[in-house]
Amino acid sequence: MSDVPAASVVEVSTTRESSTVAPLDLESRRWLDDLKSVGTTRDEAVARLHELLLRAARFEVARRRPTLPHLRGGDLDDVAFEAADDALVGVLARLDDFRGLSRFTTWAYKFAIFEAGVKLRRRAWQRRELPLEPESWSLFASTGQSPAGGAEQQELLLALQRAIAVVLTPHQRQVLVALALNGIPIDVLAERLGSNRNALYKTLHDARQKLRGHLAENGLTLDMMEEEL
């Protein structure tokens, strides 16, 4: 059972590269020198960087557009600009984290991709009520099982439902149900709860550990459901 919810998408980490420092190519060195300078040189470099990030954000928005038919062209362009703005802040704040393991532009590009994905997920859930109860337990049902296997799975499902209701705190239950059962993006849930991704990952991890322990005491395991939870 992974500690990353199945509901969340795989995102590129924009916090730190490896501690290994590689020799910088000339273009990357020029980017860093210009962005760390002052005056007109820095201002022009920041403007070029924003243009790069905006192109990256627009690319990601266009790639995801078929999954967001309710968003209009103007909305999507707003998302791209917001993503580029936030990505710019992120890149400038983390210049010292760049280790030269890729070109600077490739490294910076990831910030825009990440921010665009976060903002599109949030837009997709705007004005939508977050379901606080499992929308369906049928997603756990496996087809083609023998009668004995089906009975065992049903026993586990019932035990899991009881454990979620009884063992977890209200906050743990809310986070587990939202992320692991109802597929709410973690960015959206963090925004609605006034929390952050790391705090919610910790809550989810603690909830899973509680469930594992409780079921183990009753001779049950979550092995057959680890992909869903």
C-alpha atoms as a PDB file:
ATOM      1  CA  MET A   1       0.000   0.000   0.000  1.00  0.00           C
ATOM      2  CA  SER A   2       1.727   3.157  -1.191  1.00  0.00           C
ATOM      3  CA  ASP A   3       1.929   6.262   0.961  1.00  0.00           C
ATOM      4  CA  VAL A   4       0.940   8.385  -2.045  1.00  0.00           C
ATOM      5  CA  PRO A   5      -2.827   8.344  -2.663  1.00  0.00           C
ATOM      6  CA  ALA A   6      -4.012   6.722  -5.860  1.00  0.00           C
ATOM      7  CA  ALA A   7      -6.120   9.805  -6.406  1.00  0.00           C
ATOM      8  CA  SER A   8      -3.159  12.074  -6.792  1.00  0.00           C
ATOM      9  CA  VAL A   9      -1.350  12.446 -10.038  1.00  0.00           C
ATOM     10  CA  VAL A  10       2.325  11.845 -10.384  1.00  0.00           C
ATOM     11  CA  GLU A  11       3.929  15.266 -10.217  1.00  0.00           C
ATOM     12  CA  VAL A  12       7.499  16.392 -10.751  1.00  0.00           C
ATOM     13  CA  SER A  13       9.166  17.474  -7.509  1.00  0.00           C
ATOM     14  CA  THR A  14      10.336  21.073  -7.796  1.00  0.00           C
ATOM     15  CA  THR A  15      11.942  21.332  -4.382  1.00  0.00           C
ATOM     16  CA  ARG A  16      15.476  20.018  -4.773  1.00  0.00           C
ATOM     17  CA  GLU A  17      17.612  18.133  -7.227  1.00  0.00           C
ATOM     18  CA  SER A  18      20.203  15.635  -6.084  1.00  0.00           C
ATOM     19  CA  SER A  19      22.990  16.942  -3.853  1.00  0.00           C
ATOM     20  CA  THR A  20      25.389  16.051  -6.663  1.00  0.00           C
ATOM     21  CA  VAL A  21      26.641  19.120  -8.503  1.00  0.00           C
ATOM     22  CA  ALA A  22      27.348  18.738 -12.216  1.00  0.00           C
ATOM     23  CA  PRO A  23      29.391  21.128 -14.407  1.00  0.00           C
ATOM     24  CA  LEU A  24      27.055  23.749 -15.819  1.00  0.00           C
ATOM     25  CA  ASP A  25      26.644  24.225 -19.541  1.00  0.00           C
ATOM     26  CA  LEU A  26      27.272  27.750 -20.822  1.00  0.00           C
ATOM     27  CA  GLU A  27      23.603  28.562 -21.336  1.00  0.00           C
ATOM     28  CA  SER A  28      22.644  27.474 -17.813  1.00  0.00           C
ATOM     29  CA  ARG A  29      25.545  29.423 -16.326  1.00  0.00           C
ATOM     30  CA  ARG A  30      24.437  32.517 -18.219  1.00  0.00           C
ATOM     31  CA  TRP A  31      20.881  32.118 -16.901  1.00  0.00           C
ATOM     32  CA  LEU A  32      22.095  31.883 -13.317  1.00  0.00           C
ATOM     33  CA  ASP A  33      24.518  34.771 -13.629  1.00  0.00           C
ATOM     34  CA  ASP A  34      21.878  37.040 -15.156  1.00  0.00           C
ATOM     35  CA  LEU A  35      19.167  36.096 -12.665  1.00  0.00           C
ATOM     36  CA  LYS A  36      21.512  36.655  -9.723  1.00  0.00           C
ATOM     37  CA  SER A  37      22.717  39.997 -11.015  1.00  0.00           C
ATOM     38  CA  VAL A  38      21.077  43.376 -10.417  1.00  0.00           C
ATOM     39  CA  GLY A  39      19.531  46.129 -12.460  1.00  0.00           C
ATOM     40  CA  THR A  40      18.619  45.863 -16.122  1.00  0.00           C
ATOM     41  CA  THR A  41      20.449  42.570 -16.661  1.00  0.00           C
ATOM     42  CA  ARG A  42      18.384  40.832 -14.009  1.00  0.00           C
ATOM     43  CA  ASP A  43      15.122  42.474 -15.102  1.00  0.00           C
ATOM     44  CA  GLU A  44      15.609  41.296 -18.672  1.00  0.00           C
ATOM     45  CA  ALA A  45      16.511  37.782 -17.530  1.00  0.00           C
ATOM     46  CA  VAL A  46      13.404  37.605 -15.343  1.00  0.00           C
ATOM     47  CA  ALA A  47      11.261  38.712 -18.294  1.00  0.00           C
ATOM     48  CA  ARG A  48      12.812  36.019 -20.530  1.00  0.00           C
ATOM     49  CA  LEU A  49      12.273  33.428 -17.827  1.00  0.00           C
ATOM     50  CA  HIS A  50       8.613  34.394 -17.468  1.00  0.00           C
ATOM     51  CA  GLU A  51       8.136  33.995 -21.224  1.00  0.00           C
ATOM     52  CA  LEU A  52       9.674  30.520 -21.045  1.00  0.00           C
ATOM     53  CA  LEU A  53       7.471  29.531 -18.115  1.00  0.00           C
ATOM     54  CA  LEU A  54       4.371  30.900 -19.824  1.00  0.00           C
ATOM     55  CA  ARG A  55       5.068  28.768 -22.905  1.00  0.00           C
ATOM     56  CA  ALA A  56       5.479  25.727 -20.681  1.00  0.00           C
ATOM     57  CA  ALA A  57       2.280  26.452 -18.777  1.00  0.00           C
ATOM     58  CA  ARG A  58       0.302  26.983 -21.987  1.00  0.00           C
ATOM     59  CA  PHE A  59       1.631  23.702 -23.339  1.00  0.00           C
ATOM     60  CA  GLU A  60       0.472  21.846 -20.222  1.00  0.00           C
ATOM     61  CA  VAL A  61      -2.908  23.584 -20.213  1.00  0.00           C
ATOM     62  CA  ALA A  62      -3.444  22.656 -23.864  1.00  0.00           C
ATOM     63  CA  ARG A  63      -2.418  19.066 -23.169  1.00  0.00           C
ATOM     64  CA  ARG A  64      -4.985  18.756 -20.381  1.00  0.00           C
ATOM     65  CA  ARG A  65      -7.740  20.744 -22.080  1.00  0.00           C
ATOM     66  CA  PRO A  66      -9.739  17.706 -23.314  1.00  0.00           C
ATOM     67  CA  THR A  67     -10.269  16.665 -19.675  1.00  0.00           C
ATOM     68  CA  LEU A  68     -11.696  20.089 -18.751  1.00  0.00           C
ATOM     69  CA  PRO A  69     -14.459  20.837 -21.271  1.00  0.00           C
ATOM     70  CA  HIS A  70     -16.240  23.216 -18.883  1.00  0.00           C
ATOM     71  CA  LEU A  71     -13.345  25.689 -18.937  1.00  0.00           C
ATOM     72  CA  ARG A  72     -13.384  28.309 -21.672  1.00  0.00           C
ATOM     73  CA  GLY A  73     -10.415  29.635 -23.613  1.00  0.00           C
ATOM     74  CA  GLY A  74     -10.129  32.757 -21.479  1.00  0.00           C
ATOM     75  CA  ASP A  75     -10.185  30.701 -18.294  1.00  0.00           C
ATOM     76  CA  LEU A  76      -7.439  28.452 -19.592  1.00  0.00           C
ATOM     77  CA  ASP A  77      -5.251  31.404 -20.521  1.00  0.00           C
ATOM     78  CA  ASP A  78      -5.761  32.825 -17.032  1.00  0.00           C
ATOM     79  CA  VAL A  79      -4.603  29.508 -15.593  1.00  0.00           C
ATOM     80  CA  ALA A  80      -1.482  29.581 -17.755  1.00  0.00           C
ATOM     81  CA  PHE A  81      -0.586  33.113 -16.650  1.00  0.00           C
ATOM     82  CA  GLU A  82      -1.194  32.285 -12.982  1.00  0.00           C
ATOM     83  CA  ALA A  83       0.920  29.160 -13.302  1.00  0.00           C
ATOM     84  CA  ALA A  84       3.739  31.067 -14.986  1.00  0.00           C
ATOM     85  CA  ASP A  85       3.665  33.777 -12.306  1.00  0.00           C
ATOM     86  CA  ASP A  86       3.836  31.276  -9.445  1.00  0.00           C
ATOM     87  CA  ALA A  87       6.451  29.199 -11.235  1.00  0.00           C
ATOM     88  CA  LEU A  88       8.587  32.317 -11.659  1.00  0.00           C
ATOM     89  CA  VAL A  89       8.440  32.981  -7.926  1.00  0.00           C
ATOM     90  CA  GLY A  90       9.369  29.374  -7.245  1.00  0.00           C
ATOM     91  CA  VAL A  91      12.317  29.315  -9.636  1.00  0.00           C
ATOM     92  CA  LEU A  92      13.757  32.583  -8.326  1.00  0.00           C
ATOM     93  CA  ALA A  93      13.447  31.364  -4.745  1.00  0.00           C
ATOM     94  CA  ARG A  94      15.274  28.121  -5.547  1.00  0.00           C
ATOM     95  CA  LEU A  95      18.101  29.222  -7.812  1.00  0.00           C
ATOM     96  CA  ASP A  96      20.625  27.876  -5.317  1.00  0.00           C
ATOM     97  CA  ASP A  97      18.968  24.440  -5.519  1.00  0.00           C
ATOM     98  CA  PHE A  98      19.867  24.048  -9.196  1.00  0.00           C
ATOM     99  CA  ARG A  99      22.615  21.426  -9.443  1.00  0.00           C
ATOM    100  CA  GLY A 100      23.149  21.319 -13.195  1.00  0.00           C
ATOM    101  CA  LEU A 101      21.867  17.771 -13.647  1.00  0.00           C
ATOM    102  CA  SER A 102      19.822  19.078 -16.567  1.00  0.00           C
ATOM    103  CA  ARG A 103      19.746  22.332 -18.492  1.00  0.00           C
ATOM    104  CA  PHE A 104      18.473  25.267 -16.471  1.00  0.00           C
ATOM    105  CA  THR A 105      15.572  25.742 -18.859  1.00  0.00           C
ATOM    106  CA  THR A 106      14.533  22.096 -18.447  1.00  0.00           C
ATOM    107  CA  TRP A 107      14.680  22.433 -14.663  1.00  0.00           C
ATOM    108  CA  ALA A 108      12.660  25.660 -14.706  1.00  0.00           C
ATOM    109  CA  TYR A 109      10.144  24.193 -17.170  1.00  0.00           C
ATOM    110  CA  LYS A 110       9.096  21.652 -14.532  1.00  0.00           C
ATOM    111  CA  PHE A 111       7.959  24.397 -12.180  1.00  0.00           C
ATOM    112  CA  ALA A 112       5.478  25.666 -14.755  1.00  0.00           C
ATOM    113  CA  ILE A 113       4.209  22.165 -15.552  1.00  0.00           C
ATOM    114  CA  PHE A 114       3.654  21.504 -11.863  1.00  0.00           C
ATOM    115  CA  GLU A 115       1.880  24.823 -11.199  1.00  0.00           C
ATOM    116  CA  ALA A 116      -0.356  24.432 -14.246  1.00  0.00           C
ATOM    117  CA  GLY A 117      -1.431  20.975 -13.103  1.00  0.00           C
ATOM    118  CA  VAL A 118      -2.217  22.198  -9.598  1.00  0.00           C
ATOM    119  CA  LYS A 119      -4.277  25.122 -10.831  1.00  0.00           C
ATOM    120  CA  LEU A 120      -6.224  23.066 -13.370  1.00  0.00           C
ATOM    121  CA  ARG A 121      -7.175  20.534 -10.710  1.00  0.00           C
ATOM    122  CA  ARG A 122      -8.364  23.338  -8.469  1.00  0.00           C
ATOM    123  CA  ARG A 123     -10.420  24.888 -11.280  1.00  0.00           C
ATOM    124  CA  ALA A 124     -11.995  21.513 -12.018  1.00  0.00           C
ATOM    125  CA  TRP A 125     -13.271  21.315  -8.419  1.00  0.00           C
ATOM    126  CA  GLN A 126     -14.411  24.920  -8.034  1.00  0.00           C
ATOM    127  CA  ARG A 127     -17.964  25.215  -6.746  1.00  0.00           C
ATOM    128  CA  ARG A 128     -18.128  21.444  -6.295  1.00  0.00           C
ATOM    129  CA  GLU A 129     -18.980  19.997  -2.915  1.00  0.00           C
ATOM    130  CA  LEU A 130     -16.331  17.632  -1.611  1.00  0.00           C
ATOM    131  CA  PRO A 131     -17.882  14.217  -0.832  1.00  0.00           C
ATOM    132  CA  LEU A 132     -17.075  13.258   2.751  1.00  0.00           C
ATOM    133  CA  GLU A 133     -18.376   9.695   2.541  1.00  0.00           C
ATOM    134  CA  PRO A 134     -17.208   6.966   0.144  1.00  0.00           C
ATOM    135  CA  GLU A 135     -19.102   7.442  -3.111  1.00  0.00           C
ATOM    136  CA  SER A 136     -19.029   3.705  -3.720  1.00  0.00           C
ATOM    137  CA  TRP A 137     -17.438   0.700  -2.075  1.00  0.00           C
ATOM    138  CA  SER A 138     -17.964  -1.262  -5.275  1.00  0.00           C
ATOM    139  CA  LEU A 139     -14.671   0.040  -6.670  1.00  0.00           C
ATOM    140  CA  PHE A 140     -12.943  -2.465  -4.385  1.00  0.00           C
ATOM    141  CA  ALA A 141     -14.853  -5.461  -5.690  1.00  0.00           C
ATOM    142  CA  SER A 142     -12.775  -7.842  -7.790  1.00  0.00           C
ATOM    143  CA  THR A 143     -14.430  -9.793 -10.565  1.00  0.00           C
ATOM    144  CA  GLY A 144     -13.879 -13.428 -11.349  1.00  0.00           C
ATOM    145  CA  GLN A 145     -13.320 -14.526  -7.767  1.00  0.00           C
ATOM    146  CA  SER A 146     -14.328 -17.888  -6.376  1.00  0.00           C
ATOM    147  CA  PRO A 147     -17.201 -17.964  -3.843  1.00  0.00           C
ATOM    148  CA  ALA A 148     -14.660 -18.374  -1.053  1.00  0.00           C
ATOM    149  CA  GLY A 149     -12.581 -15.456  -2.331  1.00  0.00           C
ATOM    150  CA  GLY A 150     -15.646 -13.268  -2.684  1.00  0.00           C
ATOM    151  CA  ALA A 151     -16.724 -14.031   0.874  1.00  0.00           C
ATOM    152  CA  GLU A 152     -13.263 -13.200   2.175  1.00  0.00           C
ATOM    153  CA  GLN A 153     -13.261  -9.905   0.325  1.00  0.00           C
ATOM    154  CA  GLN A 154     -16.721  -9.039   1.639  1.00  0.00           C
ATOM    155  CA  GLU A 155     -15.540  -9.725   5.176  1.00  0.00           C
ATOM    156  CA  LEU A 156     -12.590  -7.405   4.652  1.00  0.00           C
ATOM    157  CA  LEU A 157     -14.780  -4.685   3.165  1.00  0.00           C
ATOM    158  CA  LEU A 158     -17.114  -4.750   6.147  1.00  0.00           C
ATOM    159  CA  ALA A 159     -14.185  -4.737   8.572  1.00  0.00           C
ATOM    160  CA  LEU A 160     -12.608  -1.836   6.705  1.00  0.00           C
ATOM    161  CA  GLN A 161     -15.818   0.193   6.763  1.00  0.00           C
ATOM    162  CA  ARG A 162     -16.156  -0.350  10.511  1.00  0.00           C
ATOM    163  CA  ALA A 163     -12.503   0.513  11.109  1.00  0.00           C
ATOM    164  CA  ILE A 164     -12.729   3.753   9.130  1.00  0.00           C
ATOM    165  CA  ALA A 165     -15.796   4.750  11.152  1.00  0.00           C
ATOM    166  CA  VAL A 166     -14.466   3.751  14.573  1.00  0.00           C
ATOM    167  CA  VAL A 167     -10.648   3.734  14.619  1.00  0.00           C
ATOM    168  CA  LEU A 168      -9.819   6.941  12.769  1.00  0.00           C
ATOM    169  CA  THR A 169     -10.189  10.458  14.086  1.00  0.00           C
ATOM    170  CA  PRO A 170     -12.732  12.630  12.243  1.00  0.00           C
ATOM    171  CA  HIS A 171      -9.903  14.457  10.448  1.00  0.00           C
ATOM    172  CA  GLN A 172      -8.123  11.242   9.452  1.00  0.00           C
ATOM    173  CA  ARG A 173     -11.400   9.812   8.195  1.00  0.00           C
ATOM    174  CA  GLN A 174     -12.131  12.938   6.153  1.00  0.00           C
ATOM    175  CA  VAL A 175      -8.687  12.948   4.540  1.00  0.00           C
ATOM    176  CA  LEU A 176      -8.615   9.198   3.820  1.00  0.00           C
ATOM    177  CA  VAL A 177     -12.091   9.164   2.304  1.00  0.00           C
ATOM    178  CA  ALA A 178     -11.475  12.279   0.207  1.00  0.00           C
ATOM    179  CA  LEU A 179      -8.074  11.279  -1.176  1.00  0.00           C
ATOM    180  CA  ALA A 180      -8.023   7.497  -1.305  1.00  0.00           C
ATOM    181  CA  LEU A 181     -11.691   6.667  -1.870  1.00  0.00           C
ATOM    182  CA  ASN A 182     -13.252   9.618  -3.651  1.00  0.00           C
ATOM    183  CA  GLY A 183     -10.300  10.703  -5.782  1.00  0.00           C
ATOM    184  CA  ILE A 184     -10.177  14.338  -4.709  1.00  0.00           C
ATOM    185  CA  PRO A 185      -6.828  15.911  -5.709  1.00  0.00           C
ATOM    186  CA  ILE A 186      -4.668  16.626  -2.686  1.00  0.00           C
ATOM    187  CA  ASP A 187      -4.120  20.233  -3.784  1.00  0.00           C
ATOM    188  CA  VAL A 188      -7.870  20.824  -3.786  1.00  0.00           C
ATOM    189  CA  LEU A 189      -8.386  19.236  -0.389  1.00  0.00           C
ATOM    190  CA  ALA A 190      -5.489  21.183   1.111  1.00  0.00           C
ATOM    191  CA  GLU A 191      -6.982  24.440  -0.129  1.00  0.00           C
ATOM    192  CA  ARG A 192     -10.471  23.637   1.187  1.00  0.00           C
ATOM    193  CA  LEU A 193      -9.144  22.580   4.603  1.00  0.00           C
ATOM    194  CA  GLY A 194      -6.666  25.433   4.919  1.00  0.00           C
ATOM    195  CA  SER A 195      -3.845  22.901   5.116  1.00  0.00           C
ATOM    196  CA  ASN A 196      -0.934  21.846   2.914  1.00  0.00           C
ATOM    197  CA  ARG A 197       0.165  18.784   0.961  1.00  0.00           C
ATOM    198  CA  ASN A 198       2.742  17.591   3.475  1.00  0.00           C
ATOM    199  CA  ALA A 199       0.307  17.754   6.376  1.00  0.00           C
ATOM    200  CA  LEU A 200      -2.316  15.802   4.435  1.00  0.00           C
ATOM    201  CA  TYR A 201       0.195  13.156   3.338  1.00  0.00           C
ATOM    202  CA  LYS A 202       1.151  12.725   7.002  1.00  0.00           C
ATOM    203  CA  THR A 203      -2.499  12.407   8.023  1.00  0.00           C
ATOM    204  CA  LEU A 204      -3.124   9.870   5.265  1.00  0.00           C
ATOM    205  CA  HIS A 205      -0.075   7.850   6.274  1.00  0.00           C
ATOM    206  CA  ASP A 206      -1.161   7.799   9.931  1.00  0.00           C
ATOM    207  CA  ALA A 207      -4.690   6.754   8.968  1.00  0.00           C
ATOM    208  CA  ARG A 208      -3.423   3.849   6.872  1.00  0.00           C
ATOM    209  CA  GLN A 209      -1.134   2.709   9.672  1.00  0.00           C
ATOM    210  CA  LYS A 210      -4.054   2.719  12.090  1.00  0.00           C
ATOM    211  CA  LEU A 211      -6.188   0.704   9.706  1.00  0.00           C
ATOM    212  CA  ARG A 212      -3.422  -1.822   9.076  1.00  0.00           C
ATOM    213  CA  GLY A 213      -2.874  -2.297  12.797  1.00  0.00           C
ATOM    214  CA  HIS A 214      -6.558  -2.646  13.604  1.00  0.00           C
ATOM    215  CA  LEU A 215      -7.205  -5.165  10.849  1.00  0.00           C
ATOM    216  CA  ALA A 216      -4.054  -7.135  11.718  1.00  0.00           C
ATOM    217  CA  GLU A 217      -5.359  -7.531  15.265  1.00  0.00           C
ATOM    218  CA  ASN A 218      -8.408  -9.178  13.728  1.00  0.00           C
ATOM    219  CA  GLY A 219      -6.407 -11.459  11.427  1.00  0.00           C
ATOM    220  CA  LEU A 220      -7.026  -9.391   8.287  1.00  0.00           C
ATOM    221  CA  THR A 221      -4.743  -7.542   5.878  1.00  0.00           C
ATOM    222  CA  LEU A 222      -5.207  -4.857   3.252  1.00  0.00           C
ATOM    223  CA  ASP A 223      -3.079  -6.640   0.645  1.00  0.00           C
ATOM    224  CA  MET A 224      -5.907  -7.090  -1.851  1.00  0.00           C
ATOM    225  CA  MET A 225      -6.817  -3.390  -1.609  1.00  0.00           C
ATOM    226  CA  GLU A 226      -3.410  -1.774  -1.505  1.00  0.00           C
ATOM    227  CA  GLU A 227      -3.813  -0.315  -5.012  1.00  0.00           C
ATOM    228  CA  GLU A 228      -6.984   1.544  -4.006  1.00  0.00           C
ATOM    229  CA  LEU A 229      -5.879   2.659  -0.537  1.00  0.00           C
END
